[in-house]
Amino acid sequence: MSQPEHEPDPQEQTTGGGPIEPTVRGTALVFEGGGMRASYTSGLLVALLQEDLHLDWVGGISAGSSNTANYLSRDAWRARHSFTDFASDPRFGDWRTFVRGQGLFNAQYIYEETSLPDQALPYDWDTFSRSTTRFRIGAFNATRGEQVHWGRQDVATLRDLMVRVRASSTMPVLMPPVTIDDEIYVDGALGPAGGIPIDAARADGYEKFLVVLTRPRDYVKAATRNDWALRRWFRSLPAVADALRERPGRYNATREELWELERSGQAYLFVPEQMPVGNGEKNVARLAASHEAGLAQARRELPAIREFLGL
């Protein structure tokens, strides 16, 4: 929808309010990805917002980058809606959009169009802009074969933010790669930490972590099969094929590290008691039930989370 001439462009709009400060300092909030499994972890996000628990660092990869963006805008409605009711949007994506080259999830629509005012998921750019919380959104640079973690210095407009959330969430094969400043990006889960950006939090000086996972405790990622097929599919981007092959080992190693941090008291891990949906789930009733289950678990764990945060 075009904006009336007398209104400022929402992509460039400046804010008049003062800074919005975090309420909790010294702990990094880390969101794992997982596609529509984030319907469950968005329940924790909503619980944190409802309790006014705003940590001074938040980072995420893939679907975790959407949770990160929603946390920064302090929008509980958007946090829930993004992974539940929105799946019924006729432009959300399916095999028809995949065949047209838009992806199984219609990424440009989901991230860059719906965030605008009067669209399906309007984003509170004012609150985001006034927030002083540090953040990182992780993606994999397929051109260079390197992980990147974008922060506030990389984001001047709403589109700057949402194109990076889209890049972070671009699942190889299922969604077309994203080009930013002549570099090609895909899902941040292909990086060294396997999709759980605790490395980004450490690089910013944090030693205490609230980590939000989307797999149960007993999950172990299996080795990648059909390596030859990946190399053929990504023959023009060999770094992607290499990273996909290495991801299971990296992911499992990061999880083992998290268990150690939990035992030492340096990390609180929010781990799903169950995971009722897969990463490609589009059934709104199942997604809503998943969100409610995550919210219920989060509310049960809030006393322990508060204690961990020193509150």
C-alpha atoms as a PDB file:
ATOM      1  CA  MET A   1       0.000   0.000   0.000  1.00  0.00           C
ATOM      2  CA  SER A   2       1.443   3.389  -0.977  1.00  0.00           C
ATOM      3  CA  GLN A   3       1.796   6.035   1.698  1.00  0.00           C
ATOM      4  CA  PRO A   4      -0.061   9.399   1.448  1.00  0.00           C
ATOM      5  CA  GLU A   5       2.293  12.164   0.356  1.00  0.00           C
ATOM      6  CA  HIS A   6       1.931  14.103   3.590  1.00  0.00           C
ATOM      7  CA  GLU A   7       3.020  11.169   5.762  1.00  0.00           C
ATOM      8  CA  PRO A   8       6.697  10.274   6.382  1.00  0.00           C
ATOM      9  CA  ASP A   9       8.036   7.161   4.735  1.00  0.00           C
ATOM     10  CA  PRO A  10       7.955   4.369   7.379  1.00  0.00           C
ATOM     11  CA  GLN A  11      11.270   3.095   6.021  1.00  0.00           C
ATOM     12  CA  GLU A  12      13.010   6.337   6.998  1.00  0.00           C
ATOM     13  CA  GLN A  13      10.811   7.707   9.767  1.00  0.00           C
ATOM     14  CA  THR A  14      12.619   9.097  12.794  1.00  0.00           C
ATOM     15  CA  THR A  15      11.219   8.968  16.287  1.00  0.00           C
ATOM     16  CA  GLY A  16      10.577  11.690  18.773  1.00  0.00           C
ATOM     17  CA  GLY A  17      10.491   9.716  22.004  1.00  0.00           C
ATOM     18  CA  GLY A  18      13.361   9.065  24.366  1.00  0.00           C
ATOM     19  CA  PRO A  19      15.436   5.892  24.614  1.00  0.00           C
ATOM     20  CA  ILE A  20      13.861   2.690  25.936  1.00  0.00           C
ATOM     21  CA  GLU A  21      16.203   1.001  28.377  1.00  0.00           C
ATOM     22  CA  PRO A  22      16.417  -2.721  29.248  1.00  0.00           C
ATOM     23  CA  THR A  23      15.211  -3.887  32.639  1.00  0.00           C
ATOM     24  CA  VAL A  24      17.765  -6.710  33.009  1.00  0.00           C
ATOM     25  CA  ARG A  25      21.497  -6.379  32.418  1.00  0.00           C
ATOM     26  CA  GLY A  26      24.406  -8.772  32.136  1.00  0.00           C
ATOM     27  CA  THR A  27      22.628 -11.745  30.519  1.00  0.00           C
ATOM     28  CA  ALA A  28      22.321 -12.495  26.797  1.00  0.00           C
ATOM     29  CA  LEU A  29      19.022 -13.811  25.406  1.00  0.00           C
ATOM     30  CA  VAL A  30      19.757 -16.320  22.627  1.00  0.00           C
ATOM     31  CA  PHE A  31      17.075 -17.674  20.262  1.00  0.00           C
ATOM     32  CA  GLU A  32      17.564 -20.835  18.213  1.00  0.00           C
ATOM     33  CA  GLY A  33      15.773 -21.103  14.871  1.00  0.00           C
ATOM     34  CA  GLY A  34      13.598 -23.947  13.678  1.00  0.00           C
ATOM     35  CA  GLY A  35      10.961 -22.597  11.301  1.00  0.00           C
ATOM     36  CA  MET A  36       7.455 -22.990  12.660  1.00  0.00           C
ATOM     37  CA  ARG A  37       8.796 -24.689  15.801  1.00  0.00           C
ATOM     38  CA  ALA A  38       9.177 -21.068  16.911  1.00  0.00           C
ATOM     39  CA  SER A  39       5.429 -21.150  17.542  1.00  0.00           C
ATOM     40  CA  TYR A  40       6.420 -22.903  20.781  1.00  0.00           C
ATOM     41  CA  THR A  41       9.313 -20.629  21.743  1.00  0.00           C
ATOM     42  CA  SER A  42       7.305 -17.518  20.904  1.00  0.00           C
ATOM     43  CA  GLY A  43       5.368 -18.504  24.025  1.00  0.00           C
ATOM     44  CA  LEU A  44       8.449 -17.762  26.122  1.00  0.00           C
ATOM     45  CA  LEU A  45       8.917 -14.495  24.247  1.00  0.00           C
ATOM     46  CA  VAL A  46       5.369 -13.436  25.091  1.00  0.00           C
ATOM     47  CA  ALA A  47       5.876 -14.400  28.743  1.00  0.00           C
ATOM     48  CA  LEU A  48       9.063 -12.301  28.961  1.00  0.00           C
ATOM     49  CA  LEU A  49       7.284  -9.291  27.456  1.00  0.00           C
ATOM     50  CA  GLN A  50       4.297  -9.681  29.741  1.00  0.00           C
ATOM     51  CA  GLU A  51       6.637  -9.764  32.764  1.00  0.00           C
ATOM     52  CA  ASP A  52       8.599  -6.703  31.566  1.00  0.00           C
ATOM     53  CA  LEU A  53      11.799  -8.771  31.346  1.00  0.00           C
ATOM     54  CA  HIS A  54      13.848  -6.878  28.763  1.00  0.00           C
ATOM     55  CA  LEU A  55      17.437  -8.129  28.634  1.00  0.00           C
ATOM     56  CA  ASP A  56      20.192  -5.860  27.340  1.00  0.00           C
ATOM     57  CA  TRP A  57      21.347  -8.266  24.580  1.00  0.00           C
ATOM     58  CA  VAL A  58      19.283 -10.470  22.267  1.00  0.00           C
ATOM     59  CA  GLY A  59      20.335 -12.516  19.278  1.00  0.00           C
ATOM     60  CA  GLY A  60      18.790 -15.064  16.984  1.00  0.00           C
ATOM     61  CA  ILE A  61      19.192 -17.065  13.823  1.00  0.00           C
ATOM     62  CA  SER A  62      16.572 -18.106  11.270  1.00  0.00           C
ATOM     63  CA  ALA A  63      13.163 -18.167  13.011  1.00  0.00           C
ATOM     64  CA  GLY A  64      15.073 -16.984  16.065  1.00  0.00           C
ATOM     65  CA  SER A  65      15.797 -13.745  14.205  1.00  0.00           C
ATOM     66  CA  SER A  66      12.041 -13.136  13.955  1.00  0.00           C
ATOM     67  CA  ASN A  67      11.757 -13.726  17.695  1.00  0.00           C
ATOM     68  CA  THR A  68      14.659 -11.297  18.146  1.00  0.00           C
ATOM     69  CA  ALA A  69      13.002  -8.586  16.059  1.00  0.00           C
ATOM     70  CA  ASN A  70       9.682  -9.045  17.862  1.00  0.00           C
ATOM     71  CA  TYR A  71      11.390  -8.899  21.245  1.00  0.00           C
ATOM     72  CA  LEU A  72      13.037  -5.612  20.297  1.00  0.00           C
ATOM     73  CA  SER A  73       9.691  -4.108  19.275  1.00  0.00           C
ATOM     74  CA  ARG A  74       8.110  -5.403  22.512  1.00  0.00           C
ATOM     75  CA  ASP A  75       5.078  -6.572  20.556  1.00  0.00           C
ATOM     76  CA  ALA A  76       3.463  -9.641  22.132  1.00  0.00           C
ATOM     77  CA  TRP A  77       0.691  -9.691  19.510  1.00  0.00           C
ATOM     78  CA  ARG A  78       3.169  -9.839  16.638  1.00  0.00           C
ATOM     79  CA  ALA A  79       5.303 -12.404  18.473  1.00  0.00           C
ATOM     80  CA  ARG A  80       2.359 -14.786  18.632  1.00  0.00           C
ATOM     81  CA  HIS A  81       0.723 -13.971  15.324  1.00  0.00           C
ATOM     82  CA  SER A  82       3.925 -14.403  13.301  1.00  0.00           C
ATOM     83  CA  PHE A  83       4.013 -18.141  14.055  1.00  0.00           C
ATOM     84  CA  THR A  84       0.325 -18.974  14.418  1.00  0.00           C
ATOM     85  CA  ASP A  85      -2.564 -17.263  12.591  1.00  0.00           C
ATOM     86  CA  PHE A  86      -0.340 -15.766   9.914  1.00  0.00           C
ATOM     87  CA  ALA A  87       0.224 -19.247   8.468  1.00  0.00           C
ATOM     88  CA  SER A  88      -3.310 -19.078   7.054  1.00  0.00           C
ATOM     89  CA  ASP A  89      -2.444 -16.056   4.906  1.00  0.00           C
ATOM     90  CA  PRO A  90      -3.003 -17.112   1.272  1.00  0.00           C
ATOM     91  CA  ARG A  91       0.335 -15.529   0.306  1.00  0.00           C
ATOM     92  CA  PHE A  92       2.293 -17.319   3.049  1.00  0.00           C
ATOM     93  CA  GLY A  93       3.701 -19.782   0.536  1.00  0.00           C
ATOM     94  CA  ASP A  94       3.305 -23.338  -0.755  1.00  0.00           C
ATOM     95  CA  TRP A  95       4.501 -25.526  -3.606  1.00  0.00           C
ATOM     96  CA  ARG A  96       3.047 -23.048  -6.119  1.00  0.00           C
ATOM     97  CA  THR A  97       5.258 -20.230  -4.847  1.00  0.00           C
ATOM     98  CA  PHE A  98       8.168 -22.684  -4.743  1.00  0.00           C
ATOM     99  CA  VAL A  99       7.708 -23.519  -8.423  1.00  0.00           C
ATOM    100  CA  ARG A 100       7.553 -19.800  -9.243  1.00  0.00           C
ATOM    101  CA  GLY A 101      10.931 -19.323  -7.577  1.00  0.00           C
ATOM    102  CA  GLN A 102       9.570 -17.468  -4.520  1.00  0.00           C
ATOM    103  CA  GLY A 103      10.224 -20.308  -2.100  1.00  0.00           C
ATOM    104  CA  LEU A 104       8.137 -22.808  -0.185  1.00  0.00           C
ATOM    105  CA  PHE A 105       7.772 -19.935   2.263  1.00  0.00           C
ATOM    106  CA  ASN A 106       7.141 -16.734   0.300  1.00  0.00           C
ATOM    107  CA  ALA A 107       9.979 -14.922   2.027  1.00  0.00           C
ATOM    108  CA  GLN A 108       9.866 -11.492   0.420  1.00  0.00           C
ATOM    109  CA  TYR A 109       6.183 -11.185   1.284  1.00  0.00           C
ATOM    110  CA  ILE A 110       6.555 -12.677   4.779  1.00  0.00           C
ATOM    111  CA  TYR A 111       9.421 -10.464   5.925  1.00  0.00           C
ATOM    112  CA  GLU A 112       9.642  -7.351   3.799  1.00  0.00           C
ATOM    113  CA  GLU A 113       6.039  -6.611   2.817  1.00  0.00           C
ATOM    114  CA  THR A 114       3.952  -7.639   5.807  1.00  0.00           C
ATOM    115  CA  SER A 115       6.024  -5.539   8.236  1.00  0.00           C
ATOM    116  CA  LEU A 116       4.846  -2.281   6.668  1.00  0.00           C
ATOM    117  CA  PRO A 117       1.997  -0.223   8.206  1.00  0.00           C
ATOM    118  CA  ASP A 118      -1.502  -1.512   7.425  1.00  0.00           C
ATOM    119  CA  GLN A 119      -0.133  -4.887   6.332  1.00  0.00           C
ATOM    120  CA  ALA A 120      -0.572  -8.302   7.946  1.00  0.00           C
ATOM    121  CA  LEU A 121       2.261  -7.984  10.501  1.00  0.00           C
ATOM    122  CA  PRO A 122       2.979  -4.258  10.966  1.00  0.00           C
ATOM    123  CA  TYR A 123       6.250  -3.717  12.788  1.00  0.00           C
ATOM    124  CA  ASP A 124       6.699  -1.158  15.565  1.00  0.00           C
ATOM    125  CA  TRP A 125       9.733   0.607  14.116  1.00  0.00           C
ATOM    126  CA  ASP A 126       9.434   3.417  16.654  1.00  0.00           C
ATOM    127  CA  THR A 127       9.913   1.095  19.628  1.00  0.00           C
ATOM    128  CA  PHE A 128      12.729  -0.763  17.878  1.00  0.00           C
ATOM    129  CA  SER A 129      14.506   2.510  17.086  1.00  0.00           C
ATOM    130  CA  ARG A 130      14.237   3.829  20.635  1.00  0.00           C
ATOM    131  CA  SER A 131      15.430   0.590  22.226  1.00  0.00           C
ATOM    132  CA  THR A 132      18.998   0.610  23.531  1.00  0.00           C
ATOM    133  CA  THR A 133      19.182  -3.181  23.667  1.00  0.00           C
ATOM    134  CA  ARG A 134      22.087  -4.649  21.715  1.00  0.00           C
ATOM    135  CA  PHE A 135      21.171  -7.300  19.166  1.00  0.00           C
ATOM    136  CA  ARG A 136      22.635  -9.675  16.627  1.00  0.00           C
ATOM    137  CA  ILE A 137      20.953 -11.355  13.668  1.00  0.00           C
ATOM    138  CA  GLY A 138      23.009 -14.157  12.157  1.00  0.00           C
ATOM    139  CA  ALA A 139      23.202 -15.229   8.523  1.00  0.00           C
ATOM    140  CA  PHE A 140      25.621 -17.234   6.387  1.00  0.00           C
ATOM    141  CA  ASN A 141      27.489 -15.405   3.635  1.00  0.00           C
ATOM    142  CA  ALA A 142      27.336 -17.938   0.825  1.00  0.00           C
ATOM    143  CA  THR A 143      29.638 -15.850  -1.365  1.00  0.00           C
ATOM    144  CA  ARG A 144      32.506 -15.921   1.118  1.00  0.00           C
ATOM    145  CA  GLY A 145      31.594 -18.991   3.166  1.00  0.00           C
ATOM    146  CA  GLU A 146      31.501 -16.942   6.379  1.00  0.00           C
ATOM    147  CA  GLN A 147      29.086 -16.283   9.216  1.00  0.00           C
ATOM    148  CA  VAL A 148      27.929 -12.701   9.783  1.00  0.00           C
ATOM    149  CA  HIS A 149      26.144 -11.265  12.809  1.00  0.00           C
ATOM    150  CA  TRP A 150      24.421  -7.973  11.984  1.00  0.00           C
ATOM    151  CA  GLY A 151      23.703  -5.411  14.680  1.00  0.00           C
ATOM    152  CA  ARG A 152      22.193  -1.993  15.147  1.00  0.00           C
ATOM    153  CA  GLN A 153      25.000  -0.355  13.181  1.00  0.00           C
ATOM    154  CA  ASP A 154      23.801  -2.242  10.079  1.00  0.00           C
ATOM    155  CA  VAL A 155      20.162  -1.191  10.345  1.00  0.00           C
ATOM    156  CA  ALA A 156      19.050   2.339   9.445  1.00  0.00           C
ATOM    157  CA  THR A 157      15.609   1.537   8.020  1.00  0.00           C
ATOM    158  CA  LEU A 158      12.831  -0.973   8.446  1.00  0.00           C
ATOM    159  CA  ARG A 159      13.852  -2.661   5.217  1.00  0.00           C
ATOM    160  CA  ASP A 160      17.459  -2.953   6.459  1.00  0.00           C
ATOM    161  CA  LEU A 161      16.141  -4.905   9.414  1.00  0.00           C
ATOM    162  CA  MET A 162      13.644  -7.108   7.622  1.00  0.00           C
ATOM    163  CA  VAL A 163      15.846  -8.051   4.688  1.00  0.00           C
ATOM    164  CA  ARG A 164      18.380  -9.298   7.253  1.00  0.00           C
ATOM    165  CA  VAL A 165      15.730 -11.249   9.138  1.00  0.00           C
ATOM    166  CA  ARG A 166      14.758 -12.734   5.783  1.00  0.00           C
ATOM    167  CA  ALA A 167      18.369 -13.602   4.949  1.00  0.00           C
ATOM    168  CA  SER A 168      18.860 -15.222   8.348  1.00  0.00           C
ATOM    169  CA  SER A 169      15.734 -17.323   7.757  1.00  0.00           C
ATOM    170  CA  THR A 170      16.452 -18.413   4.175  1.00  0.00           C
ATOM    171  CA  MET A 171      16.483 -22.201   4.322  1.00  0.00           C
ATOM    172  CA  PRO A 172      18.645 -23.550   1.488  1.00  0.00           C
ATOM    173  CA  VAL A 173      16.759 -25.265  -1.345  1.00  0.00           C
ATOM    174  CA  LEU A 174      13.363 -24.318   0.098  1.00  0.00           C
ATOM    175  CA  MET A 175      13.851 -20.541  -0.249  1.00  0.00           C
ATOM    176  CA  PRO A 176      15.830 -18.427  -2.728  1.00  0.00           C
ATOM    177  CA  PRO A 177      19.054 -16.836  -1.425  1.00  0.00           C
ATOM    178  CA  VAL A 178      19.052 -13.145  -0.511  1.00  0.00           C
ATOM    179  CA  THR A 179      21.452 -10.592  -1.950  1.00  0.00           C
ATOM    180  CA  ILE A 180      22.590  -7.714   0.287  1.00  0.00           C
ATOM    181  CA  ASP A 181      25.289  -5.320  -0.945  1.00  0.00           C
ATOM    182  CA  ASP A 182      26.201  -7.725  -3.761  1.00  0.00           C
ATOM    183  CA  GLU A 183      26.781 -10.629  -1.345  1.00  0.00           C
ATOM    184  CA  ILE A 184      24.599 -13.751  -1.247  1.00  0.00           C
ATOM    185  CA  TYR A 185      23.173 -14.935   2.080  1.00  0.00           C
ATOM    186  CA  VAL A 186      21.330 -18.005   3.351  1.00  0.00           C
ATOM    187  CA  ASP A 187      20.159 -19.337   6.708  1.00  0.00           C
ATOM    188  CA  GLY A 188      22.436 -18.462   9.615  1.00  0.00           C
ATOM    189  CA  ALA A 189      22.156 -22.002  10.948  1.00  0.00           C
ATOM    190  CA  LEU A 190      24.944 -22.965   8.537  1.00  0.00           C
ATOM    191  CA  GLY A 191      27.508 -21.078  10.639  1.00  0.00           C
ATOM    192  CA  PRO A 192      30.046 -22.412  13.168  1.00  0.00           C
ATOM    193  CA  ALA A 193      27.572 -22.616  16.080  1.00  0.00           C
ATOM    194  CA  GLY A 194      25.063 -24.625  14.054  1.00  0.00           C
ATOM    195  CA  GLY A 195      22.203 -22.171  14.495  1.00  0.00           C
ATOM    196  CA  ILE A 196      22.434 -21.262  18.192  1.00  0.00           C
ATOM    197  CA  PRO A 197      24.288 -17.907  18.277  1.00  0.00           C
ATOM    198  CA  ILE A 198      25.942 -18.180  21.658  1.00  0.00           C
ATOM    199  CA  ASP A 199      29.203 -17.345  19.849  1.00  0.00           C
ATOM    200  CA  ALA A 200      27.813 -13.915  18.923  1.00  0.00           C
ATOM    201  CA  ALA A 201      26.878 -13.219  22.549  1.00  0.00           C
ATOM    202  CA  ARG A 202      30.361 -14.227  23.693  1.00  0.00           C
ATOM    203  CA  ALA A 203      31.962 -12.002  21.062  1.00  0.00           C
ATOM    204  CA  ASP A 204      30.024  -9.090  22.557  1.00  0.00           C
ATOM    205  CA  GLY A 205      31.410  -9.856  26.007  1.00  0.00           C
ATOM    206  CA  TYR A 206      28.632 -11.924  27.618  1.00  0.00           C
ATOM    207  CA  GLU A 207      29.307 -14.885  29.894  1.00  0.00           C
ATOM    208  CA  LYS A 208      25.779 -15.551  31.141  1.00  0.00           C
ATOM    209  CA  PHE A 209      23.059 -16.797  28.806  1.00  0.00           C
ATOM    210  CA  LEU A 210      19.311 -17.404  28.676  1.00  0.00           C
ATOM    211  CA  VAL A 211      19.099 -19.779  25.717  1.00  0.00           C
ATOM    212  CA  VAL A 212      15.811 -20.635  24.008  1.00  0.00           C
ATOM    213  CA  LEU A 213      15.961 -23.978  22.172  1.00  0.00           C
ATOM    214  CA  THR A 214      13.461 -25.530  19.774  1.00  0.00           C
ATOM    215  CA  ARG A 215      14.435 -29.198  20.162  1.00  0.00           C
ATOM    216  CA  PRO A 216      13.866 -31.496  23.171  1.00  0.00           C
ATOM    217  CA  ARG A 217      16.810 -32.497  25.366  1.00  0.00           C
ATOM    218  CA  ASP A 218      17.257 -35.916  23.805  1.00  0.00           C
ATOM    219  CA  TYR A 219      17.478 -34.642  20.234  1.00  0.00           C
ATOM    220  CA  VAL A 220      20.645 -35.347  18.247  1.00  0.00           C
ATOM    221  CA  LYS A 221      20.931 -34.092  14.667  1.00  0.00           C
ATOM    222  CA  ALA A 222      21.689 -36.896  12.228  1.00  0.00           C
ATOM    223  CA  ALA A 223      24.460 -36.674   9.662  1.00  0.00           C
ATOM    224  CA  THR A 224      23.569 -35.144   6.298  1.00  0.00           C
ATOM    225  CA  ARG A 225      22.763 -37.614   3.552  1.00  0.00           C
ATOM    226  CA  ASN A 226      23.097 -37.311  -0.230  1.00  0.00           C
ATOM    227  CA  ASP A 227      26.129 -35.053  -0.138  1.00  0.00           C
ATOM    228  CA  TRP A 228      26.473 -35.473  -3.898  1.00  0.00           C
ATOM    229  CA  ALA A 229      22.991 -34.021  -4.426  1.00  0.00           C
ATOM    230  CA  LEU A 230      23.804 -30.972  -2.299  1.00  0.00           C
ATOM    231  CA  ARG A 231      26.996 -30.360  -4.241  1.00  0.00           C
ATOM    232  CA  ARG A 232      25.104 -30.573  -7.498  1.00  0.00           C
ATOM    233  CA  TRP A 233      22.331 -28.245  -6.300  1.00  0.00           C
ATOM    234  CA  PHE A 234      24.825 -25.706  -4.946  1.00  0.00           C
ATOM    235  CA  ARG A 235      27.529 -26.096  -7.580  1.00  0.00           C
ATOM    236  CA  SER A 236      27.654 -22.289  -7.930  1.00  0.00           C
ATOM    237  CA  LEU A 237      27.791 -21.861  -4.116  1.00  0.00           C
ATOM    238  CA  PRO A 238      30.043 -24.698  -2.881  1.00  0.00           C
ATOM    239  CA  ALA A 239      30.393 -23.096   0.570  1.00  0.00           C
ATOM    240  CA  VAL A 240      26.697 -23.805   1.181  1.00  0.00           C
ATOM    241  CA  ALA A 241      27.096 -27.504   0.374  1.00  0.00           C
ATOM    242  CA  ASP A 242      30.114 -27.706   2.681  1.00  0.00           C
ATOM    243  CA  ALA A 243      28.285 -25.942   5.510  1.00  0.00           C
ATOM    244  CA  LEU A 244      25.214 -28.161   5.164  1.00  0.00           C
ATOM    245  CA  ARG A 245      27.425 -31.237   5.452  1.00  0.00           C
ATOM    246  CA  GLU A 246      29.171 -29.866   8.545  1.00  0.00           C
ATOM    247  CA  ARG A 247      26.080 -28.495  10.272  1.00  0.00           C
ATOM    248  CA  PRO A 248      24.997 -31.624  12.227  1.00  0.00           C
ATOM    249  CA  GLY A 249      28.365 -31.902  13.960  1.00  0.00           C
ATOM    250  CA  ARG A 250      28.479 -28.193  14.715  1.00  0.00           C
ATOM    251  CA  TYR A 251      24.926 -28.169  16.037  1.00  0.00           C
ATOM    252  CA  ASN A 252      25.428 -31.197  18.281  1.00  0.00           C
ATOM    253  CA  ALA A 253      28.707 -29.747  19.618  1.00  0.00           C
ATOM    254  CA  THR A 254      27.006 -26.460  20.534  1.00  0.00           C
ATOM    255  CA  ARG A 255      24.261 -28.329  22.364  1.00  0.00           C
ATOM    256  CA  GLU A 256      26.845 -30.293  24.353  1.00  0.00           C
ATOM    257  CA  GLU A 257      28.517 -27.014  25.256  1.00  0.00           C
ATOM    258  CA  LEU A 258      25.166 -25.642  26.443  1.00  0.00           C
ATOM    259  CA  TRP A 259      24.627 -28.599  28.775  1.00  0.00           C
ATOM    260  CA  GLU A 260      28.026 -27.844  30.309  1.00  0.00           C
ATOM    261  CA  LEU A 261      27.138 -24.172  30.737  1.00  0.00           C
ATOM    262  CA  GLU A 262      23.868 -25.188  32.353  1.00  0.00           C
ATOM    263  CA  ARG A 263      25.671 -27.444  34.814  1.00  0.00           C
ATOM    264  CA  SER A 264      28.115 -24.662  35.704  1.00  0.00           C
ATOM    265  CA  GLY A 265      25.301 -22.163  36.260  1.00  0.00           C
ATOM    266  CA  GLN A 266      26.299 -19.899  33.376  1.00  0.00           C
ATOM    267  CA  ALA A 267      23.240 -20.712  31.273  1.00  0.00           C
ATOM    268  CA  TYR A 268      19.538 -21.187  31.783  1.00  0.00           C
ATOM    269  CA  LEU A 269      18.157 -23.359  28.989  1.00  0.00           C
ATOM    270  CA  PHE A 270      14.517 -23.156  27.990  1.00  0.00           C
ATOM    271  CA  VAL A 271      14.069 -26.568  26.384  1.00  0.00           C
ATOM    272  CA  PRO A 272      10.686 -27.677  24.995  1.00  0.00           C
ATOM    273  CA  GLU A 273       9.065 -30.378  27.108  1.00  0.00           C
ATOM    274  CA  GLN A 274       7.521 -31.482  23.838  1.00  0.00           C
ATOM    275  CA  MET A 275       7.626 -30.253  20.265  1.00  0.00           C
ATOM    276  CA  PRO A 276       4.226 -30.769  18.685  1.00  0.00           C
ATOM    277  CA  VAL A 277       5.015 -29.260  15.262  1.00  0.00           C
ATOM    278  CA  GLY A 278       7.698 -29.468  12.603  1.00  0.00           C
ATOM    279  CA  ASN A 279       9.527 -26.620  10.944  1.00  0.00           C
ATOM    280  CA  GLY A 280       7.129 -26.577   7.970  1.00  0.00           C
ATOM    281  CA  GLU A 281       3.835 -26.797   9.876  1.00  0.00           C
ATOM    282  CA  LYS A 282       1.058 -24.569   8.480  1.00  0.00           C
ATOM    283  CA  ASN A 283      -2.002 -25.859  10.328  1.00  0.00           C
ATOM    284  CA  VAL A 284      -3.120 -22.873  12.393  1.00  0.00           C
ATOM    285  CA  ALA A 285      -4.839 -24.950  15.079  1.00  0.00           C
ATOM    286  CA  ARG A 286      -1.680 -26.989  15.662  1.00  0.00           C
ATOM    287  CA  LEU A 287       0.475 -23.878  15.676  1.00  0.00           C
ATOM    288  CA  ALA A 288      -1.826 -22.147  18.167  1.00  0.00           C
ATOM    289  CA  ALA A 289      -1.741 -25.205  20.424  1.00  0.00           C
ATOM    290  CA  SER A 290       2.056 -25.251  20.156  1.00  0.00           C
ATOM    291  CA  HIS A 291       2.234 -21.587  21.170  1.00  0.00           C
ATOM    292  CA  GLU A 292      -0.064 -22.126  24.136  1.00  0.00           C
ATOM    293  CA  ALA A 293       2.030 -25.103  25.259  1.00  0.00           C
ATOM    294  CA  GLY A 294       5.193 -23.005  25.076  1.00  0.00           C
ATOM    295  CA  LEU A 295       3.524 -20.151  26.949  1.00  0.00           C
ATOM    296  CA  ALA A 296       2.338 -22.520  29.684  1.00  0.00           C
ATOM    297  CA  GLN A 297       5.835 -23.996  30.096  1.00  0.00           C
ATOM    298  CA  ALA A 298       7.335 -20.499  30.159  1.00  0.00           C
ATOM    299  CA  ARG A 299       4.979 -19.380  32.906  1.00  0.00           C
ATOM    300  CA  ARG A 300       5.862 -22.454  34.968  1.00  0.00           C
ATOM    301  CA  GLU A 301       9.554 -21.699  34.569  1.00  0.00           C
ATOM    302  CA  LEU A 302       9.372 -17.942  35.157  1.00  0.00           C
ATOM    303  CA  PRO A 303      10.279 -18.181  38.865  1.00  0.00           C
ATOM    304  CA  ALA A 304      13.429 -20.136  37.986  1.00  0.00           C
ATOM    305  CA  ILE A 305      14.233 -17.744  35.140  1.00  0.00           C
ATOM    306  CA  ARG A 306      13.851 -14.742  37.454  1.00  0.00           C
ATOM    307  CA  GLU A 307      16.157 -16.374  39.987  1.00  0.00           C
ATOM    308  CA  PHE A 308      18.740 -17.037  37.265  1.00  0.00           C
ATOM    309  CA  LEU A 309      18.524 -13.383  36.197  1.00  0.00           C
ATOM    310  CA  GLY A 310      19.085 -12.278  39.792  1.00  0.00           C
ATOM    311  CA  LEU A 311      15.622 -10.787  40.220  1.00  0.00           C
END
